[in-house]
Each structure stands twice: as structure tokens, then as C-alpha cells.
Amino acid sequence: MSLLRKLLRGRRRRAAEIMKERLPDGTYIELVQSLFGLALPAVIMTICFAGTGAYILARSGDMLLQIFYILGLAASAVRLVTLFGNRGRVRAPALGVNVARAIELQFGLAYIAFAAAFGAFSAWAYATSDTDVRMLLVALIFGYGAGVASTVSLRLWISITAILIAIVPTILVSLFHAGGAHRGTGILTVLFLAGGVLSMFQRYRDTAAQISMRRLMETLARQDDLTGLPNRLVLRERFEQLAARSDGSELIAVHCVDINQLDPVNEMYGHMAGDALLKAVAQRLRRVVRGDNLVIHLNGDDFVVVQPNMADAAEAEALAHQIVATLDKSYAVAGEDIIITANIGYAIDLQLGAELERLLGGAERALTSGKRHASGVSAYAGSGRAA
């Protein structure tokens, strides 16, 4: 026991630090989703508790045990309803952090409620029943611990709370029960419980780190290194989604944005100044392009803006002029006020079934034509939907 206390004391500080760590939103959502991955252990536990509890009650008829049993069945039913009722919601592609927190809280409270009823039932049954019943209880308790470790260990506040509430009462009863076998059972259960808790902390730590690293790599693969804007991969994915989700009457526009005077800035002030200028342009584009619109940095001084869900082609022209007016202003770069200009060419088509390459080609041709005629904004004339 002294060794166990030293081990727990040595891990206590690190465990507290782990519990306080703030996870990235994407990592947190994945950990909440893990709660709903396996439903079979909860179903098995409900069946085993119902069957074992009924057998124990038939042998004892204890009134308090009946109350704990009924509470356990009710809590288990709520737990299953919560588990199956939220599986669709938690798997939604657009699941947000606030919704995930609400779902996790509902799940955790139901899970802990069953743990409390189960812990009370097991402890009282162990204290008042014979050896055969105690053997069943020990098996049930170890099964419950295995279920917790396999299903909810990645949300520590649920797993640690539930496993302690469910198992510690029976441990205390066995430790203070007459007979060496009972104390041995209690001590062994304490050791296994401590090992399980430490393993859950370690699994949580490793899994959270792996998820965060994977999501970071996915983000880097879909993000422009210089500006932080999405890259061509995101452009293609997002456009395909938009083209497949439309009521048939909505329009979509692709704007090709070209920044002038970038080469002179690089030559006069250096490439670091040119990079700083592109970052500033990206920031302004973020501010002016909002909602469902998407800003992409293709390469060099070329940007693309996707404007979906339009009711009228005039919306594309209005956004194009707004972008040019926003970009055609001075920038504080390398200690100088640098003035640049922007050109935009855009193409419009029906959103449903629209083709990215065709719209990009049209927007690029409009951009080339606009630059040749010194026009800041130019629409592709090849589309019947052009402004």
C-alpha cells in the first residue's frame, strides 16, 4: 500500500496538469466522438447488471438492494438512450465545440449516474450476501472496469469519476470485511484499479497528442505556408461540395485576383518585404470576403475568391469592386507606405453542377483582358450568366 501511495503521489501533479490542458478544438471534438464509437460494451453491461442483479435479489430480497437495482436499471436505460440518441449528432461533419460540450456533458452525467447506482448496489450486495454472490460481483466489477477503459478513457473526467464511484465502495467493504480473502480481494482490486487509472491517463495523453499532430499535418497540407490561407486542394474540395449542394437556381462566381507591383517591391525592398505585402493582402481579403465565400492563395501574387449561393449576377460584380477598393490602398511595409493595385477577372455559372476548371479558365481570361485594357474589374463574356 505504501508503494501504491508513492506511485499515486508521484503521478498526481502530472495528472492534474493533464486535466487542465486545453485541447485544440478539433482534437477535443474527436475525443468526444470517441465516446460514441463502441456501443456494445454498454449494452453488455446493462444485460449483465440486469441479469446478475435479478439473481442476487432473488437470493436476498433486501429492500435497499432493490432500490439500488431499480436506480441502476433506470440510469442504464438513460445511458443507452443518450448513447444511441446522440450518435448521429456527434458524427455530423459540422459539429461545433459548443454542441460537442453539451453532448459530452449529457453523456457524462448519464454514465456517472449509472456508476453511482452500480457502486452502491455492488457494495451493499458484497456486504450482505454470501460467497457465491461475491464472486459474481467481483467479475461484474472487473467487467465494468474493462468497459470503461475501452469506451470512455479518452474523456478523463467521465472515466476516472465513473470508475472510482463504481469500484471504490466495494473495495472499502471488502477491506473492512472479516477474513483474509476479503482483504486480499480489496488489495488486489486497489492495485488493478490504480494501474487502470494510470493507464487511462497515459492513453489519453498519447491519443490526444497523436490526434493533434495528425490534424496539424492535415492543416499544413491544406494551407498556404506564407499567407495562412487555404490552398488549391481546399479550393477543389470546397468547390465540389458547393456544386453538389444547390437548389438549382443559385449562381456561383470564381474571381481571379492579381496583385500588381509585387515584382518592383521585391526588387526595391527585398523578398521579405514582398512576403509581408502578400500577408497584408491576405488579411484584407479575409476581412472583405466573409460568410460562405472562400479565399485561396494559388501562388505568387495570384489569389482566387469563390462566391457561392448568389441570387443575382450583380452580386459578383459588387464583390469584385469591393475587393479592388479594399486592396488599392497603401500598405506599411519595410518602413515605407507602399501603394499597389489589383485586377480581378470573374466568371459566373449556375452553381449546381458547375465546373471549377471552366470557371477558373474564364476568370483568368477575363483577368488578362482587363489588365490589357487597364480595367480593374472584368467579367468573362463567354458565360451567359456573366455580369
Protein backbone atom coordinates (compact mmCIF):
# COMPACT_ATOMS: atom_id res chain seq x y z
CA MET A 1 0.00 0.00 0.00
CA SER A 2 2.88 2.36 0.73
CA LEU A 3 4.28 1.66 -2.76
CA LEU A 4 0.88 2.43 -4.25
CA ARG A 5 0.68 5.71 -2.33
CA LYS A 6 4.13 6.74 -3.56
CA LEU A 7 3.20 5.86 -7.12
CA LEU A 8 -0.02 7.83 -6.98
CA ARG A 9 1.68 10.77 -5.27
CA GLY A 10 4.37 10.82 -7.94
CA ARG A 11 1.74 10.93 -10.70
CA ARG A 12 -0.68 13.30 -9.01
CA ARG A 13 0.93 16.51 -10.19
CA ARG A 14 1.23 15.32 -13.78
CA ALA A 15 -2.36 14.07 -13.73
CA ALA A 16 -3.55 17.49 -12.56
CA GLU A 17 -1.61 19.12 -15.38
CA ILE A 18 -3.14 16.77 -17.94
CA MET A 19 -6.65 17.50 -16.69
CA LYS A 20 -6.05 21.26 -17.05
CA GLU A 21 -4.55 21.11 -20.55
CA ARG A 22 -6.60 22.97 -23.14
CA LEU A 23 -7.01 20.91 -26.27
CA PRO A 24 -7.32 22.29 -29.80
CA ASP A 25 -10.99 22.38 -30.78
CA GLY A 26 -10.61 19.72 -33.47
CA THR A 27 -8.82 17.35 -31.10
CA TYR A 28 -11.44 17.88 -28.40
CA ILE A 29 -14.28 17.12 -30.84
CA GLU A 30 -12.61 13.88 -31.92
CA LEU A 31 -12.21 12.81 -28.30
CA VAL A 32 -15.90 13.47 -27.65
CA GLN A 33 -16.77 11.47 -30.77
CA SER A 34 -14.77 8.55 -29.35
CA LEU A 35 -17.38 8.22 -26.59
CA PHE A 36 -19.88 7.04 -29.19
CA GLY A 37 -17.63 4.66 -31.10
CA LEU A 38 -18.42 1.43 -29.24
CA ALA A 39 -21.95 0.78 -28.03
CA LEU A 40 -21.65 -2.97 -27.42
CA PRO A 41 -19.85 -2.73 -24.01
CA ALA A 42 -22.65 -0.55 -22.63
CA VAL A 43 -25.30 -2.95 -23.92
CA ILE A 44 -23.45 -5.94 -22.46
CA MET A 45 -23.03 -4.19 -19.11
CA THR A 46 -26.74 -3.38 -18.98
CA ILE A 47 -27.68 -7.01 -19.70
CA CYS A 48 -25.16 -8.36 -17.19
CA PHE A 49 -26.22 -5.92 -14.48
CA ALA A 50 -29.90 -6.66 -15.06
CA GLY A 51 -29.38 -10.44 -15.00
CA THR A 52 -26.90 -10.57 -12.13
CA GLY A 53 -28.90 -8.09 -10.10
CA ALA A 54 -32.10 -10.06 -10.57
CA TYR A 55 -30.33 -13.25 -9.45
CA ILE A 56 -28.90 -11.54 -6.36
CA LEU A 57 -32.26 -10.03 -5.44
CA ALA A 58 -33.95 -13.41 -5.78
CA ARG A 59 -31.50 -14.78 -3.23
CA SER A 60 -31.60 -11.90 -0.75
CA GLY A 61 -34.80 -9.89 -1.13
CA ASP A 62 -33.12 -6.92 0.59
CA MET A 63 -35.21 -3.76 0.21
CA LEU A 64 -32.23 -1.36 -0.05
CA LEU A 65 -30.66 -3.61 -2.66
CA GLN A 66 -33.90 -3.46 -4.65
CA ILE A 67 -33.79 0.33 -4.61
CA PHE A 68 -30.17 0.39 -5.85
CA TYR A 69 -31.07 -2.15 -8.52
CA ILE A 70 -34.02 -0.13 -9.83
CA LEU A 71 -31.91 3.05 -9.84
CA GLY A 72 -29.20 1.20 -11.73
CA LEU A 73 -31.61 -0.06 -14.36
CA ALA A 74 -33.09 3.42 -14.80
CA ALA A 75 -29.65 5.05 -15.07
CA SER A 76 -28.51 2.38 -17.51
CA ALA A 77 -31.56 2.97 -19.68
CA VAL A 78 -30.84 6.71 -19.72
CA ARG A 79 -27.25 5.96 -20.59
CA LEU A 80 -28.25 3.82 -23.58
CA VAL A 81 -30.77 6.40 -24.78
CA THR A 82 -28.10 9.09 -24.55
CA LEU A 83 -25.57 6.90 -26.33
CA PHE A 84 -27.77 5.90 -29.26
CA GLY A 85 -29.71 9.17 -29.40
CA ASN A 86 -26.62 11.30 -29.94
CA ARG A 87 -24.62 9.09 -32.29
CA GLY A 88 -25.97 10.86 -35.36
CA ARG A 89 -25.43 14.32 -33.91
CA VAL A 90 -21.88 13.65 -32.80
CA ARG A 91 -20.90 12.35 -36.24
CA ALA A 92 -22.19 15.40 -38.09
CA PRO A 93 -19.43 16.96 -40.27
CA ALA A 94 -20.17 20.45 -38.95
CA LEU A 95 -20.14 19.50 -35.26
CA GLY A 96 -19.07 22.56 -33.26
CA VAL A 97 -17.30 22.81 -29.94
CA ASN A 98 -20.31 24.10 -28.01
CA VAL A 99 -22.57 21.31 -29.28
CA ALA A 100 -19.84 18.77 -28.52
CA ARG A 101 -19.57 20.09 -24.95
CA ALA A 102 -23.33 19.80 -24.45
CA ILE A 103 -23.37 16.24 -25.79
CA GLU A 104 -20.39 15.26 -23.66
CA LEU A 105 -21.99 16.68 -20.53
CA GLN A 106 -25.24 14.80 -21.17
CA PHE A 107 -23.33 11.59 -21.82
CA GLY A 108 -21.05 12.04 -18.80
CA LEU A 109 -23.86 12.69 -16.34
CA ALA A 110 -25.76 9.60 -17.51
CA TYR A 111 -22.60 7.50 -17.34
CA ILE A 112 -21.70 8.67 -13.84
CA ALA A 113 -25.28 8.22 -12.62
CA PHE A 114 -25.15 4.56 -13.56
CA ALA A 115 -21.71 4.24 -11.95
CA ALA A 116 -23.12 5.60 -8.68
CA ALA A 117 -26.08 3.22 -8.66
CA PHE A 118 -23.88 0.30 -9.66
CA GLY A 119 -21.30 1.14 -6.98
CA ALA A 120 -23.94 1.33 -4.27
CA PHE A 121 -25.56 -1.91 -5.40
CA SER A 122 -22.25 -3.80 -5.58
CA ALA A 123 -21.00 -2.59 -2.19
CA TRP A 124 -24.23 -3.39 -0.37
CA ALA A 125 -24.59 -6.75 -2.07
CA TYR A 126 -20.98 -7.64 -1.19
CA ALA A 127 -21.59 -6.69 2.43
CA THR A 128 -24.85 -8.62 2.80
CA SER A 129 -24.53 -11.66 0.53
CA ASP A 130 -22.72 -15.00 0.53
CA THR A 131 -19.54 -16.12 -1.23
CA ASP A 132 -21.24 -17.16 -4.48
CA VAL A 133 -22.75 -13.70 -4.91
CA ARG A 134 -19.45 -12.01 -4.11
CA MET A 135 -17.73 -13.97 -6.86
CA LEU A 136 -20.32 -12.73 -9.33
CA LEU A 137 -19.89 -9.15 -8.11
CA VAL A 138 -16.13 -9.23 -8.46
CA ALA A 139 -16.47 -10.50 -12.04
CA LEU A 140 -19.07 -7.81 -12.79
CA ILE A 141 -16.88 -5.08 -11.32
CA PHE A 142 -13.86 -6.12 -13.37
CA GLY A 143 -16.04 -6.27 -16.47
CA TYR A 144 -17.30 -2.79 -15.79
CA GLY A 145 -13.74 -1.50 -15.40
CA ALA A 146 -12.77 -3.07 -18.72
CA GLY A 147 -15.76 -1.42 -20.37
CA VAL A 148 -14.80 1.99 -19.02
CA ALA A 149 -11.22 1.57 -20.22
CA SER A 150 -12.31 0.55 -23.72
CA THR A 151 -15.01 3.17 -24.32
CA VAL A 152 -14.63 6.38 -22.30
CA SER A 153 -11.00 6.52 -21.18
CA LEU A 154 -10.27 9.41 -23.56
CA ARG A 155 -12.52 11.72 -21.54
CA LEU A 156 -10.88 11.53 -18.16
CA TRP A 157 -13.45 13.42 -16.14
CA ILE A 158 -16.00 10.78 -17.09
CA SER A 159 -13.83 7.67 -16.93
CA ILE A 160 -11.95 8.43 -13.71
CA THR A 161 -15.05 9.65 -11.87
CA ALA A 162 -17.17 6.70 -13.01
CA ILE A 163 -14.63 4.00 -12.26
CA LEU A 164 -13.87 5.36 -8.78
CA ILE A 165 -17.54 5.77 -7.87
CA ALA A 166 -18.38 2.29 -9.15
CA ILE A 167 -15.49 0.34 -7.64
CA VAL A 168 -14.19 2.11 -4.52
CA PRO A 169 -17.29 1.39 -2.35
CA THR A 170 -16.88 -2.37 -2.85
CA ILE A 171 -13.15 -2.09 -2.18
CA LEU A 172 -13.83 -0.40 1.15
CA VAL A 173 -16.39 -3.03 2.12
CA SER A 174 -14.01 -5.87 1.27
CA LEU A 175 -11.06 -4.29 3.12
CA PHE A 176 -13.06 -3.96 6.33
CA HIS A 177 -14.81 -7.30 5.98
CA ALA A 178 -13.65 -10.10 8.27
CA GLY A 179 -11.39 -12.65 6.65
CA GLY A 180 -8.10 -12.56 4.80
CA ALA A 181 -9.66 -13.48 1.46
CA HIS A 182 -11.82 -10.36 1.55
CA ARG A 183 -8.91 -8.10 2.38
CA GLY A 184 -6.85 -9.77 -0.32
CA THR A 185 -9.64 -9.14 -2.81
CA GLY A 186 -9.76 -5.50 -1.78
CA ILE A 187 -5.97 -5.04 -2.04
CA LEU A 188 -5.78 -6.71 -5.44
CA THR A 189 -8.66 -4.62 -6.70
CA VAL A 190 -6.93 -1.46 -5.47
CA LEU A 191 -3.76 -2.40 -7.35
CA PHE A 192 -5.64 -3.20 -10.55
CA LEU A 193 -7.68 -0.01 -10.21
CA ALA A 194 -4.57 2.13 -9.73
CA GLY A 195 -2.92 0.53 -12.75
CA GLY A 196 -6.04 1.06 -14.82
CA VAL A 197 -6.31 4.71 -13.85
CA LEU A 198 -2.66 5.38 -14.69
CA SER A 199 -3.09 3.56 -17.99
CA MET A 200 -6.09 5.73 -18.85
CA PHE A 201 -4.09 8.87 -18.15
CA GLN A 202 -1.31 7.62 -20.40
CA ARG A 203 -3.69 6.55 -23.16
CA TYR A 204 -5.42 9.91 -23.06
CA ARG A 205 -2.13 11.78 -23.22
CA ASP A 206 -0.77 9.72 -26.14
CA THR A 207 -4.01 9.72 -28.12
CA ALA A 208 -4.61 13.46 -27.70
CA ALA A 209 -1.05 14.16 -28.86
CA GLN A 210 -1.45 11.86 -31.87
CA ILE A 211 -4.75 13.44 -32.89
CA SER A 212 -3.35 16.96 -32.51
CA MET A 213 -0.29 16.08 -34.60
CA ARG A 214 -2.38 14.42 -37.31
CA ARG A 215 -4.74 17.38 -37.52
CA LEU A 216 -1.79 19.78 -37.65
CA MET A 217 -0.27 17.86 -40.56
CA GLU A 218 -3.63 17.82 -42.34
CA THR A 219 -3.95 21.57 -41.83
CA LEU A 220 -0.44 22.24 -43.13
CA ALA A 221 -1.15 20.12 -46.20
CA ARG A 222 -4.24 22.24 -46.94
CA GLN A 223 -2.82 25.65 -46.07
CA ASP A 224 -0.54 28.08 -47.85
CA ASP A 225 2.69 28.45 -45.87
CA LEU A 226 3.08 32.18 -46.47
CA THR A 227 -0.39 33.67 -46.06
CA GLY A 228 -2.12 31.01 -43.97
CA LEU A 229 -4.96 30.93 -46.50
CA PRO A 230 -6.37 27.63 -47.80
CA ASN A 231 -4.59 26.22 -50.84
CA ARG A 232 -5.64 24.67 -54.17
CA LEU A 233 -6.60 21.36 -52.52
CA VAL A 234 -9.18 23.10 -50.35
CA LEU A 235 -10.39 25.09 -53.37
CA ARG A 236 -11.18 21.91 -55.28
CA GLU A 237 -12.81 20.13 -52.31
CA ARG A 238 -14.92 23.11 -51.29
CA PHE A 239 -15.99 23.86 -54.85
CA GLU A 240 -17.13 20.28 -55.44
CA GLN A 241 -19.18 20.41 -52.26
CA LEU A 242 -20.83 23.67 -53.32
CA ALA A 243 -21.56 22.44 -56.84
CA ALA A 244 -23.30 19.38 -55.42
CA ARG A 245 -25.40 21.26 -52.88
CA SER A 246 -27.64 23.76 -54.60
CA ASP A 247 -31.34 24.18 -55.24
CA GLY A 248 -30.69 24.65 -58.97
CA SER A 249 -31.31 28.40 -59.15
CA GLU A 250 -28.27 29.67 -57.24
CA LEU A 251 -25.26 31.13 -59.01
CA ILE A 252 -21.57 30.76 -58.22
CA ALA A 253 -18.71 33.06 -59.20
CA VAL A 254 -14.97 32.48 -59.33
CA HIS A 255 -12.80 35.60 -59.05
CA CYS A 256 -9.14 35.59 -60.05
CA VAL A 257 -7.29 38.36 -58.21
CA ASP A 258 -3.90 39.58 -59.43
CA ILE A 259 -1.70 41.94 -57.41
CA ASN A 260 0.31 44.48 -59.41
CA GLN A 261 3.66 45.99 -58.38
CA LEU A 262 4.80 42.93 -56.41
CA ASP A 263 7.95 42.46 -58.51
CA PRO A 264 9.09 46.09 -58.05
CA VAL A 265 8.57 45.72 -54.29
CA ASN A 266 10.74 42.59 -54.28
CA GLU A 267 13.43 44.31 -56.30
CA MET A 268 13.44 47.51 -54.27
CA TYR A 269 12.88 46.27 -50.73
CA GLY A 270 13.68 42.56 -50.92
CA HIS A 271 11.63 39.38 -50.92
CA MET A 272 10.87 39.63 -47.21
CA ALA A 273 9.06 42.88 -47.89
CA GLY A 274 7.21 41.21 -50.77
CA ASP A 275 6.17 38.37 -48.49
CA ALA A 276 4.97 40.87 -45.88
CA LEU A 277 2.93 42.60 -48.58
CA LEU A 278 1.27 39.34 -49.62
CA LYS A 279 0.40 38.59 -45.98
CA ALA A 280 -1.19 42.03 -45.65
CA VAL A 281 -3.18 41.46 -48.86
CA ALA A 282 -4.39 38.11 -47.49
CA GLN A 283 -5.53 39.77 -44.27
CA ARG A 284 -7.54 42.36 -46.19
CA LEU A 285 -9.12 39.69 -48.35
CA ARG A 286 -10.15 37.80 -45.22
CA ARG A 287 -11.90 40.92 -43.93
CA VAL A 288 -13.81 41.69 -47.11
CA VAL A 289 -14.69 38.12 -48.13
CA ARG A 290 -16.99 36.64 -45.49
CA GLY A 291 -19.76 34.14 -44.98
CA ASP A 292 -19.76 31.24 -47.45
CA ASN A 293 -17.17 32.92 -49.65
CA LEU A 294 -13.74 31.31 -49.84
CA VAL A 295 -10.33 32.96 -50.34
CA ILE A 296 -7.46 30.91 -51.78
CA HIS A 297 -3.81 31.80 -52.37
CA LEU A 298 -2.78 29.97 -55.50
CA ASN A 299 0.82 31.12 -55.87
CA GLY A 300 2.90 34.28 -56.13
CA ASP A 301 0.58 37.27 -56.49
CA ASP A 302 -2.46 35.25 -57.56
CA PHE A 303 -5.50 34.77 -55.33
CA VAL A 304 -8.87 33.15 -56.01
CA VAL A 305 -12.20 34.03 -54.42
CA VAL A 306 -15.18 31.68 -54.68
CA GLN A 307 -18.55 33.38 -54.21
CA PRO A 308 -21.38 30.82 -53.95
CA ASN A 309 -25.12 30.95 -53.32
CA MET A 310 -25.78 34.12 -55.32
CA ALA A 311 -29.30 35.09 -56.35
CA ASP A 312 -28.14 37.61 -58.96
CA ALA A 313 -25.04 38.06 -61.11
CA ALA A 314 -24.73 41.66 -59.94
CA GLU A 315 -23.54 40.36 -56.56
CA ALA A 316 -20.33 39.12 -58.19
CA GLU A 317 -19.58 42.49 -59.75
CA ALA A 318 -20.29 44.24 -56.44
CA LEU A 319 -17.89 41.97 -54.55
CA ALA A 320 -15.20 42.36 -57.23
CA HIS A 321 -15.33 46.17 -56.97
CA GLN A 322 -15.31 45.95 -53.18
CA ILE A 323 -12.19 43.77 -53.25
CA VAL A 324 -10.37 46.14 -55.62
CA ALA A 325 -11.32 49.16 -53.50
CA THR A 326 -10.03 47.38 -50.38
CA LEU A 327 -6.73 46.30 -51.92
CA ASP A 328 -5.96 49.53 -53.80
CA LYS A 329 -4.67 51.27 -50.70
CA SER A 330 -1.30 51.90 -49.12
CA TYR A 331 0.49 49.22 -47.08
CA ALA A 332 3.04 49.86 -44.34
CA VAL A 333 5.86 47.52 -45.40
CA ALA A 334 9.59 47.77 -44.67
CA GLY A 335 9.08 51.17 -43.06
CA GLU A 336 7.50 52.55 -46.24
CA ASP A 337 3.99 53.26 -47.42
CA ILE A 338 3.63 51.08 -50.50
CA ILE A 339 0.72 51.52 -52.86
CA ILE A 340 -0.39 48.66 -55.08
CA THR A 341 -3.30 48.00 -57.40
CA ALA A 342 -5.33 44.87 -58.03
CA ASN A 343 -7.09 43.44 -61.05
CA ILE A 344 -9.97 40.98 -60.93
CA GLY A 345 -11.48 38.79 -63.58
CA TYR A 346 -14.50 36.71 -62.73
CA ALA A 347 -16.80 34.15 -64.30
CA ILE A 348 -20.30 33.09 -63.26
CA ASP A 349 -22.38 29.96 -63.79
CA LEU A 350 -25.21 28.03 -62.23
CA GLN A 351 -23.88 26.55 -59.02
CA LEU A 352 -25.43 23.12 -59.42
CA GLY A 353 -23.03 21.05 -61.49
CA ALA A 354 -20.59 23.92 -62.04
CA GLU A 355 -17.06 23.00 -63.19
CA LEU A 356 -14.14 24.60 -61.41
CA GLU A 357 -11.64 24.41 -64.28
CA ARG A 358 -14.04 26.03 -66.72
CA LEU A 359 -14.83 28.89 -64.36
CA LEU A 360 -11.16 29.36 -63.47
CA GLY A 361 -10.26 29.46 -67.14
CA GLY A 362 -12.98 32.02 -67.83
CA ALA A 363 -11.95 34.18 -64.87
CA GLU A 364 -8.30 34.09 -65.96
CA ARG A 365 -9.22 35.13 -69.50
CA ALA A 366 -11.31 37.96 -68.09
CA LEU A 367 -8.38 38.99 -65.88
CA THR A 368 -5.99 39.04 -68.83
CA SER A 369 -8.44 41.09 -70.87
CA GLY A 370 -8.99 43.52 -68.01
CA LYS A 371 -5.25 44.07 -67.49
CA ARG A 372 -4.80 44.65 -71.22
CA HIS A 373 -7.49 47.32 -71.18
CA ALA A 374 -6.41 48.76 -67.80
CA SER A 375 -9.71 47.79 -66.23
CA GLY A 376 -9.73 46.92 -62.54
CA VAL A 377 -12.71 44.56 -62.83
CA SER A 378 -13.61 42.43 -65.81
CA ALA A 379 -16.28 39.75 -66.30
CA TYR A 380 -15.90 36.72 -68.53
CA ALA A 381 -18.13 37.21 -71.57
CA GLY A 382 -18.20 33.55 -72.52
CA SER A 383 -20.83 32.69 -69.90
CA GLY A 384 -24.47 33.54 -70.33
CA ARG A 385 -24.50 34.39 -66.62
CA ALA A 386 -21.69 36.99 -66.78
CA ALA A 387 -22.44 40.39 -65.37
